[in-house]
Amino acid sequence: MVGFILFEANTFQSIESSFLSDISEKMPNKSKLVKILKNISQMTQKEIKKKLAYSACNCLSFDEWTDLRNRKFLGVTIRSFINMKYEDFFLDFIYLSDEINDADVLTTKIIESLAKYDLNVDDILSCS
């Protein structure tokens, strides 16, 4: 999600402009930022996995998102009951290409998203 917001923002798209590089030689380039964000993403995913291992109840919700190019994505969010309180985690973006207009294909993509967090369909109580 962080990558989605950063990479689609006009500010990020101009980070490698000659004007910015003239101001500061220490300005990170896109490849360094992508690497940093990937590491942060992996650490966050591990932390969410640890928490979800103690969940007594999981409910999924889905929201449609669009980027600046008007491409559609399905956002997957889970609400879990952990240690006597509810916690919400954003799990994934699924790009809604023409190939994913089929329920079976979309189901497969959602199952793949859950698997990243060591979850399966049997761990889900409800969806909205």
C-alpha atoms as a PDB file:
ATOM      1  CA  MET A   1       0.000   0.000   0.000  1.00  0.00           C
ATOM      2  CA  VAL A   2       2.848   2.382   0.828  1.00  0.00           C
ATOM      3  CA  GLY A   3       4.376   1.658  -2.574  1.00  0.00           C
ATOM      4  CA  PHE A   4       1.038   2.275  -4.263  1.00  0.00           C
ATOM      5  CA  ILE A   5       0.673   5.687  -2.622  1.00  0.00           C
ATOM      6  CA  LEU A   6       4.297   6.760  -3.098  1.00  0.00           C
ATOM      7  CA  PHE A   7       4.852   5.572  -6.631  1.00  0.00           C
ATOM      8  CA  GLU A   8       1.602   7.003  -7.952  1.00  0.00           C
ATOM      9  CA  ALA A   9       2.150  10.418  -6.341  1.00  0.00           C
ATOM     10  CA  ASN A  10       3.428  13.281  -8.483  1.00  0.00           C
ATOM     11  CA  THR A  11       6.005  14.149  -5.819  1.00  0.00           C
ATOM     12  CA  PHE A  12       7.678  10.763  -6.059  1.00  0.00           C
ATOM     13  CA  GLN A  13       7.719  10.833  -9.844  1.00  0.00           C
ATOM     14  CA  SER A  14       9.887  13.964  -9.762  1.00  0.00           C
ATOM     15  CA  ILE A  15      12.409  12.664  -7.181  1.00  0.00           C
ATOM     16  CA  GLU A  16      15.063  12.039  -9.823  1.00  0.00           C
ATOM     17  CA  SER A  17      14.704  15.443 -11.458  1.00  0.00           C
ATOM     18  CA  SER A  18      17.921  17.302 -12.207  1.00  0.00           C
ATOM     19  CA  PHE A  19      16.744  20.177 -10.006  1.00  0.00           C
ATOM     20  CA  LEU A  20      16.525  17.959  -6.908  1.00  0.00           C
ATOM     21  CA  SER A  21      19.839  16.236  -7.589  1.00  0.00           C
ATOM     22  CA  ASP A  22      21.527  19.660  -7.898  1.00  0.00           C
ATOM     23  CA  ILE A  23      20.189  20.651  -4.460  1.00  0.00           C
ATOM     24  CA  SER A  24      21.454  17.580  -2.638  1.00  0.00           C
ATOM     25  CA  GLU A  25      23.799  14.778  -3.634  1.00  0.00           C
ATOM     26  CA  LYS A  26      22.428  12.714  -0.755  1.00  0.00           C
ATOM     27  CA  MET A  27      18.947  12.491  -2.248  1.00  0.00           C
ATOM     28  CA  PRO A  28      18.115   8.773  -2.658  1.00  0.00           C
ATOM     29  CA  ASN A  29      17.183   7.578  -6.111  1.00  0.00           C
ATOM     30  CA  LYS A  30      14.128   5.476  -6.953  1.00  0.00           C
ATOM     31  CA  SER A  31      15.979   2.157  -6.841  1.00  0.00           C
ATOM     32  CA  LYS A  32      17.256   2.825  -3.298  1.00  0.00           C
ATOM     33  CA  LEU A  33      13.794   3.837  -2.149  1.00  0.00           C
ATOM     34  CA  VAL A  34      12.222   0.763  -3.730  1.00  0.00           C
ATOM     35  CA  LYS A  35      14.721  -1.451  -1.898  1.00  0.00           C
ATOM     36  CA  ILE A  36      14.034   0.285   1.417  1.00  0.00           C
ATOM     37  CA  LEU A  37      10.270   0.028   0.927  1.00  0.00           C
ATOM     38  CA  LYS A  38      10.547  -3.657   0.034  1.00  0.00           C
ATOM     39  CA  ASN A  39      12.436  -4.324   3.283  1.00  0.00           C
ATOM     40  CA  ILE A  40       9.875  -2.364   5.302  1.00  0.00           C
ATOM     41  CA  SER A  41       7.084  -4.266   3.578  1.00  0.00           C
ATOM     42  CA  GLN A  42       8.652  -7.636   4.391  1.00  0.00           C
ATOM     43  CA  MET A  43       9.160  -6.704   8.047  1.00  0.00           C
ATOM     44  CA  THR A  44       5.581  -5.448   8.310  1.00  0.00           C
ATOM     45  CA  GLN A  45       4.252  -8.615   6.698  1.00  0.00           C
ATOM     46  CA  LYS A  46       6.183 -10.750   9.226  1.00  0.00           C
ATOM     47  CA  GLU A  47       4.777  -8.712  12.113  1.00  0.00           C
ATOM     48  CA  ILE A  48       1.206  -9.083  10.816  1.00  0.00           C
ATOM     49  CA  LYS A  49       1.753 -12.858  10.389  1.00  0.00           C
ATOM     50  CA  LYS A  50       2.853 -13.119  14.025  1.00  0.00           C
ATOM     51  CA  LYS A  51      -0.231 -11.268  15.243  1.00  0.00           C
ATOM     52  CA  LEU A  52      -2.660 -13.194  13.027  1.00  0.00           C
ATOM     53  CA  ALA A  53      -1.360 -16.473  14.449  1.00  0.00           C
ATOM     54  CA  TYR A  54      -3.197 -15.561  17.678  1.00  0.00           C
ATOM     55  CA  SER A  55      -6.464 -14.485  16.049  1.00  0.00           C
ATOM     56  CA  ALA A  56      -9.696 -16.027  17.319  1.00  0.00           C
ATOM     57  CA  CYS A  57     -11.836 -14.606  14.502  1.00  0.00           C
ATOM     58  CA  ASN A  58     -11.067 -13.152  11.040  1.00  0.00           C
ATOM     59  CA  CYS A  59     -13.352 -11.168   8.743  1.00  0.00           C
ATOM     60  CA  LEU A  60     -12.348  -9.926   5.284  1.00  0.00           C
ATOM     61  CA  SER A  61     -13.499  -6.783   3.563  1.00  0.00           C
ATOM     62  CA  PHE A  62     -12.830  -5.650   0.014  1.00  0.00           C
ATOM     63  CA  ASP A  63     -12.590  -2.128  -1.408  1.00  0.00           C
ATOM     64  CA  GLU A  64     -11.922  -0.892  -4.915  1.00  0.00           C
ATOM     65  CA  TRP A  65      -9.005   1.488  -5.389  1.00  0.00           C
ATOM     66  CA  THR A  66      -7.771   3.258  -8.523  1.00  0.00           C
ATOM     67  CA  ASP A  67      -4.378   4.724  -9.325  1.00  0.00           C
ATOM     68  CA  LEU A  68      -3.642   7.917 -11.259  1.00  0.00           C
ATOM     69  CA  ARG A  69      -3.872   5.998 -14.544  1.00  0.00           C
ATOM     70  CA  ASN A  70      -7.375   4.857 -13.549  1.00  0.00           C
ATOM     71  CA  ARG A  71      -6.333   1.204 -13.190  1.00  0.00           C
ATOM     72  CA  LYS A  72      -8.499  -0.669 -10.711  1.00  0.00           C
ATOM     73  CA  PHE A  73      -7.297  -2.648  -7.703  1.00  0.00           C
ATOM     74  CA  LEU A  74      -9.089  -4.700  -5.094  1.00  0.00           C
ATOM     75  CA  GLY A  75      -7.926  -3.864  -1.575  1.00  0.00           C
ATOM     76  CA  VAL A  76      -8.024  -6.790   0.875  1.00  0.00           C
ATOM     77  CA  THR A  77      -8.404  -5.898   4.564  1.00  0.00           C
ATOM     78  CA  ILE A  78      -8.755  -8.283   7.502  1.00  0.00           C
ATOM     79  CA  ARG A  79     -10.359  -7.549  10.869  1.00  0.00           C
ATOM     80  CA  SER A  80      -9.148  -9.964  13.518  1.00  0.00           C
ATOM     81  CA  PHE A  81     -10.015 -10.569  17.149  1.00  0.00           C
ATOM     82  CA  ILE A  82      -6.651 -10.834  18.923  1.00  0.00           C
ATOM     83  CA  ASN A  83      -6.113 -10.767  22.687  1.00  0.00           C
ATOM     84  CA  MET A  84      -9.659  -9.560  23.389  1.00  0.00           C
ATOM     85  CA  LYS A  85      -9.590  -6.660  20.908  1.00  0.00           C
ATOM     86  CA  TYR A  86     -10.192  -6.126  17.203  1.00  0.00           C
ATOM     87  CA  GLU A  87      -7.312  -5.200  14.938  1.00  0.00           C
ATOM     88  CA  ASP A  88      -7.452  -4.259  11.249  1.00  0.00           C
ATOM     89  CA  PHE A  89      -4.686  -5.059   8.774  1.00  0.00           C
ATOM     90  CA  PHE A  90      -4.436  -4.147   5.111  1.00  0.00           C
ATOM     91  CA  LEU A  91      -3.218  -7.346   3.432  1.00  0.00           C
ATOM     92  CA  ASP A  92      -2.967  -6.779  -0.293  1.00  0.00           C
ATOM     93  CA  PHE A  93      -3.797  -4.993  -3.520  1.00  0.00           C
ATOM     94  CA  ILE A  94      -5.005  -7.195  -6.355  1.00  0.00           C
ATOM     95  CA  TYR A  95      -4.733  -5.595  -9.778  1.00  0.00           C
ATOM     96  CA  LEU A  96      -8.077  -6.044 -11.520  1.00  0.00           C
ATOM     97  CA  SER A  97      -6.956  -6.776 -15.058  1.00  0.00           C
ATOM     98  CA  ASP A  98      -9.252  -8.182 -17.737  1.00  0.00           C
ATOM     99  CA  GLU A  99      -8.101 -11.700 -16.822  1.00  0.00           C
ATOM    100  CA  ILE A 100      -9.422 -11.291 -13.262  1.00  0.00           C
ATOM    101  CA  ASN A 101     -13.044 -10.657 -14.223  1.00  0.00           C
ATOM    102  CA  ASP A 102     -13.772 -14.322 -13.530  1.00  0.00           C
ATOM    103  CA  ALA A 103     -14.855 -15.389  -9.998  1.00  0.00           C
ATOM    104  CA  ASP A 104     -12.580 -18.440 -10.010  1.00  0.00           C
ATOM    105  CA  VAL A 105      -9.516 -16.364 -10.930  1.00  0.00           C
ATOM    106  CA  LEU A 106     -10.365 -13.728  -8.322  1.00  0.00           C
ATOM    107  CA  THR A 107     -10.852 -16.449  -5.686  1.00  0.00           C
ATOM    108  CA  THR A 108      -7.416 -17.845  -6.522  1.00  0.00           C
ATOM    109  CA  LYS A 109      -5.858 -14.379  -6.131  1.00  0.00           C
ATOM    110  CA  ILE A 110      -7.540 -13.883  -2.741  1.00  0.00           C
ATOM    111  CA  ILE A 111      -6.372 -17.321  -1.570  1.00  0.00           C
ATOM    112  CA  GLU A 112      -2.822 -16.376  -2.649  1.00  0.00           C
ATOM    113  CA  SER A 113      -3.094 -13.137  -0.651  1.00  0.00           C
ATOM    114  CA  LEU A 114      -4.206 -15.039   2.445  1.00  0.00           C
ATOM    115  CA  ALA A 115      -1.391 -17.571   2.027  1.00  0.00           C
ATOM    116  CA  LYS A 116       1.184 -14.764   2.320  1.00  0.00           C
ATOM    117  CA  TYR A 117      -0.003 -14.456   5.920  1.00  0.00           C
ATOM    118  CA  ASP A 118      -0.295 -18.201   6.595  1.00  0.00           C
ATOM    119  CA  LEU A 119      -4.095 -18.033   6.370  1.00  0.00           C
ATOM    120  CA  ASN A 120      -6.587 -19.974   4.297  1.00  0.00           C
ATOM    121  CA  VAL A 121     -10.298 -19.675   3.540  1.00  0.00           C
ATOM    122  CA  ASP A 122     -11.171 -21.845   6.561  1.00  0.00           C
ATOM    123  CA  ASP A 123      -9.658 -19.130   8.808  1.00  0.00           C
ATOM    124  CA  ILE A 124     -12.200 -16.548   7.578  1.00  0.00           C
ATOM    125  CA  LEU A 125     -15.529 -16.178   9.363  1.00  0.00           C
ATOM    126  CA  SER A 126     -17.135 -13.612   7.035  1.00  0.00           C
ATOM    127  CA  CYS A 127     -16.557 -11.315   4.050  1.00  0.00           C
ATOM    128  CA  SER A 128     -18.015  -7.977   3.051  1.00  0.00           C
END
